[in-house]
């Protein structure tokens, strides 16, 4: 075989082997990168599993603590009672007359939570949208508060109404209880079994 031909064959063989080596190196690098990525994903998955286990353990402990807590009890203690044996009857047939209302000052505790309840009956009450069963609470340095029950108007038989409120600080514990028809309301409204209760939790 001619010498130049042998040199060409050998050169071609070396080039092919060089390409194979380069390809092998590239494949090895790619496999190494894939292995590194796989290891990183496994590490992150392990971290997430450990965090999930800690969270589950915390949740189980909280649930166990809740189950071990005694049930919260709420007590109502009567502190004022009015018209237990008679009806408070308020009547007005003159549209020019203003505020047919029964009023009673109460001494309560600042910060105390209270429930006010009563039975109310209405007969043809007009010119107002809501019969008054509520409080006026003057507060030093702040707006006067007016908590009240949603009673309605018109005509209805005896029904239970109530509302709750917390005596604001700055009130001195003083509140004016109001029952009746504010504005120029006409008709007849009756109250009975008016009770003020301190709420303890």
N, C-alpha and C. Protein backbone atom coordinates (compact mmCIF):
# COMPACT_ATOMS: atom_id res chain seq x y z
N UNK A 1 0.87 -1.19 0.00
CA UNK A 1 0.00 0.00 0.00
C UNK A 1 0.90 1.23 0.00
N UNK A 2 0.44 2.20 -0.70
CA UNK A 2 1.23 3.41 -0.83
C UNK A 2 1.34 4.11 0.52
N UNK A 3 2.47 4.68 0.78
CA UNK A 3 2.74 5.32 2.07
C UNK A 3 1.77 6.45 2.36
N UNK A 4 1.44 7.26 1.37
CA UNK A 4 0.51 8.40 1.59
C UNK A 4 -0.90 7.92 1.94
N UNK A 5 -1.26 6.77 1.35
CA UNK A 5 -2.59 6.21 1.66
C UNK A 5 -2.64 5.75 3.10
N UNK A 6 -1.57 5.11 3.57
CA UNK A 6 -1.51 4.66 4.97
C UNK A 6 -1.60 5.83 5.94
N UNK A 7 -0.92 6.89 5.59
CA UNK A 7 -0.96 8.08 6.47
C UNK A 7 -2.37 8.64 6.54
N UNK A 8 -3.07 8.67 5.40
CA UNK A 8 -4.44 9.19 5.37
C UNK A 8 -5.37 8.33 6.20
N UNK A 9 -5.18 6.99 6.09
CA UNK A 9 -6.04 6.08 6.86
C UNK A 9 -5.80 6.26 8.35
N UNK A 10 -4.56 6.36 8.73
CA UNK A 10 -4.22 6.53 10.14
C UNK A 10 -4.75 7.86 10.67
N UNK A 11 -4.62 8.89 9.87
CA UNK A 11 -5.13 10.22 10.28
C UNK A 11 -6.63 10.18 10.48
N UNK A 12 -7.33 9.54 9.53
CA UNK A 12 -8.79 9.43 9.65
C UNK A 12 -9.19 8.64 10.87
N UNK A 13 -8.43 7.57 11.15
CA UNK A 13 -8.73 6.76 12.34
C UNK A 13 -8.55 7.56 13.61
N UNK A 14 -7.50 8.36 13.64
CA UNK A 14 -7.26 9.20 14.83
C UNK A 14 -8.37 10.24 15.02
N UNK A 15 -8.82 10.80 13.90
CA UNK A 15 -9.90 11.80 13.98
C UNK A 15 -11.18 11.18 14.52
N UNK A 16 -11.48 9.95 14.02
CA UNK A 16 -12.70 9.26 14.49
C UNK A 16 -12.59 8.98 15.97
N UNK A 17 -11.40 8.49 16.40
CA UNK A 17 -11.23 8.18 17.82
C UNK A 17 -11.32 9.46 18.66
N UNK A 18 -10.80 10.55 18.14
CA UNK A 18 -10.91 11.82 18.87
C UNK A 18 -12.35 12.25 19.04
N UNK A 19 -13.16 12.07 17.98
CA UNK A 19 -14.59 12.40 18.08
C UNK A 19 -15.29 11.53 19.10
N UNK A 20 -14.93 10.24 19.11
CA UNK A 20 -15.54 9.32 20.08
C UNK A 20 -15.19 9.73 21.51
N UNK A 21 -13.94 10.11 21.71
CA UNK A 21 -13.53 10.53 23.05
C UNK A 21 -14.28 11.79 23.49
N UNK A 22 -14.42 12.73 22.55
CA UNK A 22 -15.14 13.96 22.88
C UNK A 22 -16.60 13.67 23.21
N UNK A 23 -17.19 12.76 22.40
CA UNK A 23 -18.59 12.38 22.65
C UNK A 23 -18.73 11.70 24.00
N UNK A 24 -17.79 10.81 24.31
CA UNK A 24 -17.83 10.11 25.61
C UNK A 24 -17.70 11.09 26.78
N UNK A 25 -16.78 12.05 26.61
CA UNK A 25 -16.63 13.04 27.67
C UNK A 25 -17.90 13.85 27.86
N UNK A 26 -18.54 14.22 26.75
CA UNK A 26 -19.79 14.98 26.83
C UNK A 26 -20.89 14.17 27.52
N UNK A 27 -20.96 12.87 27.16
CA UNK A 27 -21.97 12.01 27.78
C UNK A 27 -21.72 11.86 29.28
N UNK A 28 -20.43 11.69 29.63
CA UNK A 28 -20.09 11.56 31.05
C UNK A 28 -20.46 12.84 31.81
N UNK A 29 -20.16 13.99 31.21
CA UNK A 29 -20.49 15.26 31.86
C UNK A 29 -22.00 15.41 32.03
N UNK A 30 -22.75 15.00 30.99
CA UNK A 30 -24.22 15.09 31.05
C UNK A 30 -24.77 14.16 32.13
N UNK A 31 -24.22 12.93 32.19
CA UNK A 31 -24.66 11.98 33.21
C UNK A 31 -24.33 12.49 34.61
N UNK A 32 -23.13 13.09 34.74
CA UNK A 32 -22.73 13.63 36.05
C UNK A 32 -23.68 14.75 36.48
N UNK A 33 -24.06 15.61 35.52
CA UNK A 33 -24.98 16.70 35.84
C UNK A 33 -26.36 16.18 36.22
N UNK A 34 -26.81 15.16 35.47
CA UNK A 34 -28.11 14.55 35.80
C UNK A 34 -28.08 13.91 37.18
N UNK A 35 -26.97 13.26 37.51
CA UNK A 35 -26.85 12.63 38.83
C UNK A 35 -26.85 13.69 39.93
N UNK A 36 -26.16 14.82 39.66
CA UNK A 36 -26.12 15.91 40.63
C UNK A 36 -27.51 16.50 40.86
N UNK A 37 -28.24 16.69 39.74
CA UNK A 37 -29.61 17.21 39.85
C UNK A 37 -30.51 16.24 40.60
N UNK A 38 -30.34 14.95 40.30
CA UNK A 38 -31.13 13.92 40.98
C UNK A 38 -30.85 13.91 42.48
N UNK A 39 -29.57 14.03 42.84
CA UNK A 39 -29.19 14.05 44.26
C UNK A 39 -29.77 15.28 44.96
N UNK A 40 -29.76 16.42 44.26
CA UNK A 40 -30.30 17.65 44.85
C UNK A 40 -31.81 17.53 45.07
N UNK A 41 -32.50 16.94 44.11
CA UNK A 41 -33.94 16.74 44.26
C UNK A 41 -34.25 15.79 45.41
N UNK A 42 -33.46 14.74 45.55
CA UNK A 42 -33.65 13.81 46.67
C UNK A 42 -33.42 14.51 47.99
N UNK A 43 -32.38 15.39 48.04
CA UNK A 43 -32.10 16.11 49.28
C UNK A 43 -33.26 17.03 49.65
N UNK A 44 -33.77 17.75 48.66
CA UNK A 44 -34.89 18.65 48.92
C UNK A 44 -36.14 17.88 49.33
N UNK A 45 -36.38 16.75 48.67
CA UNK A 45 -37.54 15.93 49.04
C UNK A 45 -37.43 15.45 50.47
N UNK A 46 -36.21 15.09 50.89
CA UNK A 46 -35.99 14.64 52.26
C UNK A 46 -36.25 15.77 53.25
N UNK A 47 -35.77 16.99 52.90
CA UNK A 47 -36.00 18.14 53.77
C UNK A 47 -37.49 18.43 53.91
N UNK A 48 -38.21 18.38 52.78
CA UNK A 48 -39.66 18.63 52.82
C UNK A 48 -40.38 17.58 53.65
N UNK A 49 -39.96 16.33 53.52
CA UNK A 49 -40.58 15.26 54.30
C UNK A 49 -40.35 15.47 55.79
N UNK A 50 -39.14 15.91 56.15
CA UNK A 50 -38.84 16.16 57.56
C UNK A 50 -39.66 17.33 58.09
N UNK A 51 -39.78 18.40 57.29
CA UNK A 51 -40.60 19.54 57.71
C UNK A 51 -42.06 19.15 57.86
N UNK A 52 -42.55 18.34 56.93
CA UNK A 52 -43.94 17.88 57.00
C UNK A 52 -44.17 17.06 58.26
N UNK A 53 -43.20 16.24 58.62
CA UNK A 53 -43.32 15.42 59.83
C UNK A 53 -43.37 16.30 61.07
N UNK A 54 -42.53 17.36 61.09
CA UNK A 54 -42.53 18.28 62.24
C UNK A 54 -43.87 19.01 62.34
N UNK A 55 -44.39 19.48 61.20
CA UNK A 55 -45.67 20.18 61.20
C UNK A 55 -46.80 19.27 61.65
N UNK A 56 -46.78 18.03 61.20
CA UNK A 56 -47.81 17.07 61.60
C UNK A 56 -47.75 16.80 63.09
N UNK A 57 -46.53 16.67 63.61
CA UNK A 57 -46.37 16.44 65.04
C UNK A 57 -46.90 17.62 65.85
N UNK A 58 -46.60 18.84 65.37
CA UNK A 58 -47.10 20.04 66.04
C UNK A 58 -48.62 20.09 66.01
N UNK A 59 -49.19 19.78 64.84
CA UNK A 59 -50.65 19.77 64.71
C UNK A 59 -51.28 18.75 65.65
N UNK A 60 -50.66 17.58 65.74
CA UNK A 60 -51.18 16.54 66.63
C UNK A 60 -51.12 16.99 68.09
N UNK A 61 -50.03 17.67 68.45
CA UNK A 61 -49.91 18.14 69.83
C UNK A 61 -50.96 19.20 70.15
N UNK A 62 -51.16 20.13 69.19
CA UNK A 62 -52.18 21.17 69.39
C UNK A 62 -53.55 20.54 69.52
N UNK A 63 -53.85 19.57 68.66
CA UNK A 63 -55.15 18.89 68.73
C UNK A 63 -55.31 18.19 70.07
N UNK A 64 -54.24 17.58 70.55
CA UNK A 64 -54.30 16.91 71.85
C UNK A 64 -54.53 17.89 72.98
N UNK A 65 -53.87 19.06 72.89
CA UNK A 65 -54.07 20.08 73.92
C UNK A 65 -55.50 20.59 73.92
N UNK A 66 -56.05 20.80 72.72
CA UNK A 66 -57.43 21.28 72.63
C UNK A 66 -58.40 20.27 73.23
N UNK A 67 -58.13 19.00 72.96
CA UNK A 67 -59.02 17.97 73.50
C UNK A 67 -58.94 17.92 75.01
N UNK A 68 -57.78 18.28 75.54
CA UNK A 68 -57.61 18.23 76.99
C UNK A 68 -58.14 19.44 77.71
N UNK A 69 -58.48 20.52 76.96
CA UNK A 69 -58.97 21.74 77.60
C UNK A 69 -60.42 21.56 78.04
N UNK A 70 -60.78 22.11 79.20
CA UNK A 70 -62.19 22.03 79.62
C UNK A 70 -63.06 22.91 78.74
N UNK A 71 -64.29 22.54 78.57
CA UNK A 71 -65.23 23.32 77.77
C UNK A 71 -65.46 24.68 78.40
N UNK A 72 -65.48 25.72 77.56
CA UNK A 72 -65.71 27.07 78.07
C UNK A 72 -67.17 27.22 78.50
N UNK A 73 -67.37 27.73 79.68
CA UNK A 73 -68.72 27.93 80.18
C UNK A 73 -69.01 29.42 80.30
N UNK A 74 -70.22 29.79 79.97
CA UNK A 74 -70.67 31.17 80.07
C UNK A 74 -71.79 31.24 81.09
N UNK A 75 -71.65 32.16 82.04
CA UNK A 75 -72.68 32.32 83.06
C UNK A 75 -73.29 33.71 82.97
N UNK A 76 -74.57 33.78 83.29
CA UNK A 76 -75.31 35.05 83.28
C UNK A 76 -75.83 35.30 84.70
N UNK A 77 -75.43 36.41 85.27
CA UNK A 77 -75.84 36.75 86.63
C UNK A 77 -76.68 38.02 86.59
N UNK A 78 -77.93 37.93 87.04
CA UNK A 78 -78.82 39.09 87.02
C UNK A 78 -78.34 40.14 88.01
N UNK A 79 -78.22 41.38 87.52
CA UNK A 79 -77.79 42.49 88.39
C UNK A 79 -78.89 43.54 88.54
N UNK A 80 -79.84 43.58 87.61
CA UNK A 80 -80.99 44.48 87.72
C UNK A 80 -82.21 43.79 87.12
N UNK A 81 -83.37 43.99 87.74
CA UNK A 81 -84.62 43.46 87.21
C UNK A 81 -85.71 44.51 87.37
N UNK A 82 -86.55 44.65 86.34
CA UNK A 82 -87.63 45.63 86.38
C UNK A 82 -88.90 45.00 85.79
N UNK A 83 -90.04 45.38 86.35
CA UNK A 83 -91.36 44.98 85.87
C UNK A 83 -91.49 43.46 85.72
N UNK A 84 -91.15 42.78 86.81
CA UNK A 84 -91.30 41.32 86.84
C UNK A 84 -92.75 40.91 87.13
N UNK A 85 -93.48 41.73 87.84
CA UNK A 85 -94.86 41.38 88.23
C UNK A 85 -95.90 42.27 87.60
N UNK A 86 -95.49 43.18 86.73
CA UNK A 86 -96.43 44.10 86.09
C UNK A 86 -95.87 44.52 84.74
N UNK A 87 -96.73 45.06 83.88
CA UNK A 87 -96.30 45.50 82.56
C UNK A 87 -95.97 46.99 82.59
N UNK A 88 -94.92 47.34 81.88
CA UNK A 88 -94.60 48.75 81.64
C UNK A 88 -95.32 49.15 80.36
N UNK A 89 -96.38 49.95 80.49
CA UNK A 89 -97.22 50.31 79.35
C UNK A 89 -96.93 51.75 78.93
N UNK A 90 -96.60 51.93 77.67
CA UNK A 90 -96.30 53.26 77.12
C UNK A 90 -97.22 53.49 75.93
N UNK A 91 -97.92 54.63 75.94
CA UNK A 91 -98.94 54.89 74.91
C UNK A 91 -98.88 56.34 74.48
N UNK A 92 -99.08 56.56 73.18
CA UNK A 92 -99.11 57.92 72.66
C UNK A 92 -100.00 57.97 71.42
N UNK A 93 -100.93 58.91 71.37
CA UNK A 93 -101.79 59.07 70.20
C UNK A 93 -101.64 60.46 69.58
N UNK A 94 -100.63 61.21 70.01
CA UNK A 94 -100.40 62.56 69.51
C UNK A 94 -99.08 62.59 68.74
N UNK A 95 -99.15 62.78 67.44
CA UNK A 95 -97.95 62.77 66.62
C UNK A 95 -97.00 63.92 66.95
N UNK A 96 -97.51 64.95 67.60
CA UNK A 96 -96.66 66.08 67.97
C UNK A 96 -95.84 65.81 69.22
N UNK A 97 -96.24 64.78 69.96
CA UNK A 97 -95.51 64.46 71.18
C UNK A 97 -94.24 63.69 70.84
N UNK A 98 -93.17 64.05 71.47
CA UNK A 98 -91.87 63.44 71.19
C UNK A 98 -91.43 62.53 72.34
N UNK A 99 -90.86 61.41 71.98
CA UNK A 99 -90.17 60.53 72.93
C UNK A 99 -91.07 60.03 74.07
N UNK A 100 -91.87 59.04 73.76
CA UNK A 100 -92.64 58.35 74.80
C UNK A 100 -91.77 57.20 75.29
N UNK A 101 -90.91 57.52 76.26
CA UNK A 101 -89.84 56.59 76.65
C UNK A 101 -89.73 56.51 78.17
N UNK A 102 -89.55 55.28 78.66
CA UNK A 102 -89.22 55.04 80.08
C UNK A 102 -87.71 55.00 80.19
N UNK A 103 -87.17 55.67 81.23
CA UNK A 103 -85.72 55.77 81.40
C UNK A 103 -85.31 55.31 82.78
N UNK A 104 -84.15 54.65 82.85
CA UNK A 104 -83.63 54.19 84.14
C UNK A 104 -82.10 54.18 84.10
N UNK A 105 -81.48 54.97 85.00
CA UNK A 105 -80.02 54.95 85.09
C UNK A 105 -79.56 53.66 85.76
N UNK A 106 -78.47 53.11 85.23
CA UNK A 106 -77.90 51.87 85.77
C UNK A 106 -76.44 52.10 86.17
N UNK A 107 -76.04 51.48 87.27
CA UNK A 107 -74.63 51.48 87.68
C UNK A 107 -74.05 50.10 87.38
N UNK A 108 -73.15 50.08 86.41
CA UNK A 108 -72.54 48.83 85.98
C UNK A 108 -71.02 48.95 86.13
N UNK A 109 -70.29 47.97 85.65
CA UNK A 109 -68.83 47.96 85.80
C UNK A 109 -68.17 48.26 84.46
N UNK A 110 -67.22 49.20 84.48
CA UNK A 110 -66.46 49.48 83.27
C UNK A 110 -65.73 48.21 82.81
N UNK A 111 -65.81 47.94 81.54
CA UNK A 111 -65.15 46.75 81.00
C UNK A 111 -65.98 45.49 81.13
N UNK A 112 -67.08 45.56 81.88
CA UNK A 112 -67.94 44.40 82.06
C UNK A 112 -68.82 44.16 80.84
N UNK A 113 -69.08 42.90 80.55
CA UNK A 113 -69.96 42.53 79.44
C UNK A 113 -71.34 42.18 79.99
N UNK A 114 -72.39 42.71 79.36
CA UNK A 114 -73.74 42.56 79.88
C UNK A 114 -74.71 42.15 78.77
N UNK A 115 -75.74 41.41 79.21
CA UNK A 115 -76.86 41.09 78.32
C UNK A 115 -78.11 41.76 78.87
N UNK A 116 -78.87 42.40 77.98
CA UNK A 116 -80.12 43.06 78.34
C UNK A 116 -81.24 42.33 77.60
N UNK A 117 -82.23 41.88 78.34
CA UNK A 117 -83.33 41.15 77.69
C UNK A 117 -84.66 41.58 78.29
N UNK A 118 -85.71 41.41 77.51
CA UNK A 118 -87.06 41.78 77.95
C UNK A 118 -88.08 41.12 77.03
N UNK A 119 -89.33 41.18 77.44
CA UNK A 119 -90.45 40.80 76.59
C UNK A 119 -91.15 42.08 76.16
N UNK A 120 -91.51 42.14 74.88
CA UNK A 120 -92.11 43.35 74.32
C UNK A 120 -93.35 42.98 73.51
N UNK A 121 -94.37 43.84 73.61
CA UNK A 121 -95.59 43.69 72.81
C UNK A 121 -95.92 45.04 72.20
N UNK A 122 -96.31 45.04 70.91
CA UNK A 122 -96.58 46.29 70.21
C UNK A 122 -97.99 46.28 69.62
N UNK A 123 -98.66 47.42 69.70
CA UNK A 123 -100.01 47.56 69.16
C UNK A 123 -100.08 48.82 68.31
N UNK A 124 -100.06 48.62 67.00
CA UNK A 124 -100.25 49.71 66.04
C UNK A 124 -99.24 50.85 66.24
N UNK A 125 -97.99 50.51 66.44
CA UNK A 125 -96.96 51.54 66.58
C UNK A 125 -96.56 52.03 65.19
N UNK A 126 -96.65 53.36 64.99
CA UNK A 126 -96.39 53.97 63.69
C UNK A 126 -95.35 55.08 63.81
N UNK A 127 -94.93 55.57 62.64
CA UNK A 127 -94.03 56.71 62.51
C UNK A 127 -92.59 56.43 62.96
N UNK A 128 -92.31 55.25 63.40
CA UNK A 128 -90.95 54.84 63.73
C UNK A 128 -90.72 53.44 63.17
N UNK A 129 -89.46 53.10 62.92
CA UNK A 129 -89.16 51.79 62.35
C UNK A 129 -88.74 50.78 63.41
N UNK A 130 -88.42 51.28 64.60
CA UNK A 130 -87.91 50.38 65.63
C UNK A 130 -88.27 50.89 67.02
N UNK A 131 -88.99 50.07 67.77
CA UNK A 131 -89.25 50.39 69.18
C UNK A 131 -87.93 50.36 69.93
N UNK A 132 -87.76 51.30 70.85
CA UNK A 132 -86.48 51.42 71.54
C UNK A 132 -86.38 50.47 72.72
N UNK A 133 -85.34 49.65 72.70
CA UNK A 133 -84.90 48.89 73.88
C UNK A 133 -83.39 48.89 73.81
N UNK A 134 -82.80 49.87 74.50
CA UNK A 134 -81.37 50.04 74.38
C UNK A 134 -80.81 50.94 75.46
N UNK A 135 -79.58 51.37 75.23
CA UNK A 135 -78.85 52.17 76.22
C UNK A 135 -78.34 53.46 75.59
N UNK A 136 -78.16 54.45 76.44
CA UNK A 136 -77.34 55.61 76.12
C UNK A 136 -76.16 55.57 77.10
N UNK A 137 -74.93 55.49 76.57
CA UNK A 137 -73.75 55.39 77.42
C UNK A 137 -72.83 56.57 77.13
N UNK A 138 -72.85 57.61 77.98
CA UNK A 138 -71.91 58.72 77.79
C UNK A 138 -70.49 58.26 78.10
N UNK A 139 -69.53 58.64 77.24
CA UNK A 139 -68.14 58.24 77.42
C UNK A 139 -67.27 59.50 77.43
N UNK A 140 -66.48 59.67 78.48
CA UNK A 140 -65.63 60.85 78.60
C UNK A 140 -64.61 60.89 77.46
N UNK A 141 -64.56 62.02 76.76
CA UNK A 141 -63.59 62.19 75.68
C UNK A 141 -63.88 61.40 74.44
N UNK A 142 -65.06 60.83 74.32
CA UNK A 142 -65.41 60.02 73.15
C UNK A 142 -66.90 60.18 72.85
N UNK A 143 -67.34 59.55 71.75
CA UNK A 143 -68.74 59.64 71.37
C UNK A 143 -69.62 58.82 72.30
N UNK A 144 -70.83 59.31 72.52
CA UNK A 144 -71.83 58.55 73.28
C UNK A 144 -72.19 57.29 72.49
N UNK A 145 -72.30 56.18 73.20
CA UNK A 145 -72.64 54.91 72.56
C UNK A 145 -74.12 54.60 72.76
N UNK A 146 -74.72 53.94 71.73
CA UNK A 146 -76.16 53.66 71.74
C UNK A 146 -76.44 52.20 71.37
N UNK A 147 -75.98 51.23 72.11
CA UNK A 147 -76.31 49.83 71.79
C UNK A 147 -77.80 49.58 72.01
N UNK A 148 -78.40 48.75 71.16
CA UNK A 148 -79.84 48.51 71.28
C UNK A 148 -80.22 47.21 70.57
N UNK A 149 -81.41 46.72 70.90
CA UNK A 149 -81.95 45.52 70.26
C UNK A 149 -82.75 45.93 69.02
N UNK A 150 -82.86 45.02 68.07
CA UNK A 150 -83.72 45.21 66.91
C UNK A 150 -85.10 44.68 67.27
N UNK A 151 -86.02 45.58 67.56
CA UNK A 151 -87.35 45.19 68.06
C UNK A 151 -88.40 45.21 66.96
N UNK A 152 -88.34 46.20 66.08
CA UNK A 152 -89.36 46.35 65.07
C UNK A 152 -90.46 47.30 65.54
N UNK A 153 -91.54 47.38 64.78
CA UNK A 153 -92.68 48.25 65.13
C UNK A 153 -93.94 47.61 64.59
N UNK A 154 -95.01 48.41 64.45
CA UNK A 154 -96.27 47.86 63.97
C UNK A 154 -97.04 47.19 65.09
N UNK A 155 -97.56 46.00 64.80
CA UNK A 155 -98.32 45.23 65.79
C UNK A 155 -97.76 43.81 65.86
N UNK A 156 -97.45 43.36 67.07
CA UNK A 156 -96.99 41.98 67.26
C UNK A 156 -97.24 41.57 68.71
N UNK A 157 -97.41 40.28 68.97
CA UNK A 157 -97.65 39.80 70.33
C UNK A 157 -96.34 39.80 71.13
N UNK A 158 -96.43 39.30 72.37
CA UNK A 158 -95.25 39.26 73.22
C UNK A 158 -94.11 38.51 72.53
N UNK A 159 -92.94 39.10 72.55
CA UNK A 159 -91.76 38.45 71.98
C UNK A 159 -90.54 38.78 72.84
N UNK A 160 -89.57 37.86 72.80
CA UNK A 160 -88.32 38.07 73.54
C UNK A 160 -87.36 38.90 72.69
N UNK A 161 -86.75 39.90 73.30
CA UNK A 161 -85.72 40.69 72.61
C UNK A 161 -84.51 40.80 73.54
N UNK A 162 -83.35 40.97 72.95
CA UNK A 162 -82.15 41.08 73.78
C UNK A 162 -81.01 41.70 72.98
N UNK A 163 -80.01 42.18 73.69
CA UNK A 163 -78.77 42.63 73.08
C UNK A 163 -77.67 42.56 74.12
N UNK A 164 -76.44 42.52 73.68
CA UNK A 164 -75.30 42.49 74.59
C UNK A 164 -74.38 43.66 74.28
N UNK A 165 -73.66 44.10 75.29
CA UNK A 165 -72.69 45.18 75.10
C UNK A 165 -71.64 45.11 76.20
N UNK A 166 -70.51 45.72 75.94
CA UNK A 166 -69.45 45.84 76.94
C UNK A 166 -69.35 47.30 77.35
N UNK A 167 -69.37 47.54 78.64
CA UNK A 167 -69.32 48.92 79.13
C UNK A 167 -67.94 49.51 78.84
N UNK A 168 -67.89 50.59 78.08
CA UNK A 168 -66.60 51.16 77.68
C UNK A 168 -65.90 51.85 78.85
N UNK A 169 -64.58 51.83 78.80
CA UNK A 169 -63.81 52.58 79.79
C UNK A 169 -63.98 54.07 79.49
N UNK A 170 -64.14 54.84 80.54
CA UNK A 170 -64.45 56.25 80.39
C UNK A 170 -65.92 56.54 80.62
N UNK A 171 -66.71 55.48 80.79
CA UNK A 171 -68.15 55.66 81.04
C UNK A 171 -68.46 55.76 82.52
N UNK A 172 -67.50 55.37 83.36
CA UNK A 172 -67.78 55.34 84.80
C UNK A 172 -68.78 54.26 85.17
N UNK A 173 -69.11 53.38 84.21
CA UNK A 173 -70.08 52.32 84.47
C UNK A 173 -71.52 52.79 84.46
N UNK A 174 -71.75 54.04 84.04
CA UNK A 174 -73.11 54.60 84.04
C UNK A 174 -73.73 54.44 82.66
N UNK A 175 -74.99 53.97 82.65
CA UNK A 175 -75.72 53.80 81.40
C UNK A 175 -77.19 54.09 81.65
N UNK A 176 -77.84 54.71 80.68
CA UNK A 176 -79.27 55.01 80.78
C UNK A 176 -80.04 54.01 79.93
N UNK A 177 -80.89 53.21 80.58
CA UNK A 177 -81.72 52.23 79.89
C UNK A 177 -82.95 52.94 79.34
N UNK A 178 -83.25 52.71 78.06
CA UNK A 178 -84.37 53.37 77.38
C UNK A 178 -85.32 52.32 76.82
N UNK A 179 -86.61 52.49 77.12
CA UNK A 179 -87.65 51.58 76.61
C UNK A 179 -88.81 52.41 76.12
N UNK A 180 -89.23 52.21 74.86
CA UNK A 180 -90.40 52.93 74.39
C UNK A 180 -90.30 53.37 72.95
N UNK A 181 -90.94 54.53 72.66
CA UNK A 181 -91.02 55.06 71.30
C UNK A 181 -90.30 56.40 71.23
N UNK A 182 -89.19 56.42 70.51
CA UNK A 182 -88.49 57.69 70.32
C UNK A 182 -89.11 58.44 69.14
N UNK A 183 -88.69 59.67 68.96
CA UNK A 183 -89.25 60.46 67.88
C UNK A 183 -90.73 60.73 68.12
N UNK A 184 -91.51 60.76 67.04
CA UNK A 184 -92.95 61.03 67.17
C UNK A 184 -93.76 59.76 66.99
N UNK A 185 -93.26 58.65 67.52
CA UNK A 185 -93.97 57.39 67.42
C UNK A 185 -95.31 57.41 68.14
N UNK A 186 -96.30 56.79 67.50
CA UNK A 186 -97.62 56.67 68.12
C UNK A 186 -98.01 55.20 68.21
N UNK A 187 -98.97 54.94 69.09
CA UNK A 187 -99.42 53.57 69.31
C UNK A 187 -99.19 53.17 70.76
N UNK A 188 -99.14 51.88 70.98
CA UNK A 188 -99.00 51.38 72.35
C UNK A 188 -97.95 50.26 72.37
N UNK A 189 -97.05 50.34 73.33
CA UNK A 189 -96.02 49.32 73.48
C UNK A 189 -95.91 48.96 74.96
N UNK A 190 -95.72 47.68 75.23
CA UNK A 190 -95.62 47.20 76.61
C UNK A 190 -94.33 46.39 76.77
N UNK A 191 -93.71 46.54 77.94
CA UNK A 191 -92.52 45.77 78.30
C UNK A 191 -92.79 45.02 79.59
N UNK A 192 -92.12 43.88 79.76
CA UNK A 192 -92.15 43.17 81.03
C UNK A 192 -90.90 42.28 81.13
N UNK A 193 -90.64 41.85 82.35
CA UNK A 193 -89.48 40.98 82.61
C UNK A 193 -88.19 41.56 82.03
N UNK A 194 -87.93 42.81 82.37
CA UNK A 194 -86.69 43.46 81.93
C UNK A 194 -85.56 43.02 82.86
N UNK A 195 -84.52 42.44 82.29
CA UNK A 195 -83.43 41.89 83.10
C UNK A 195 -82.09 42.34 82.53
N UNK A 196 -81.20 42.77 83.43
CA UNK A 196 -79.82 43.10 83.07
C UNK A 196 -78.92 42.04 83.70
N UNK A 197 -78.10 41.37 82.87
CA UNK A 197 -77.27 40.27 83.36
C UNK A 197 -75.79 40.52 83.06
N UNK A 198 -74.94 40.22 84.04
CA UNK A 198 -73.49 40.28 83.83
C UNK A 198 -73.06 38.95 83.22
N UNK A 199 -72.27 39.03 82.15
CA UNK A 199 -71.80 37.83 81.46
C UNK A 199 -70.39 37.51 81.92
N UNK A 200 -70.19 36.28 82.36
CA UNK A 200 -68.86 35.81 82.77
C UNK A 200 -68.48 34.62 81.91
N UNK A 201 -67.25 34.63 81.38
CA UNK A 201 -66.78 33.54 80.52
C UNK A 201 -65.55 32.88 81.13
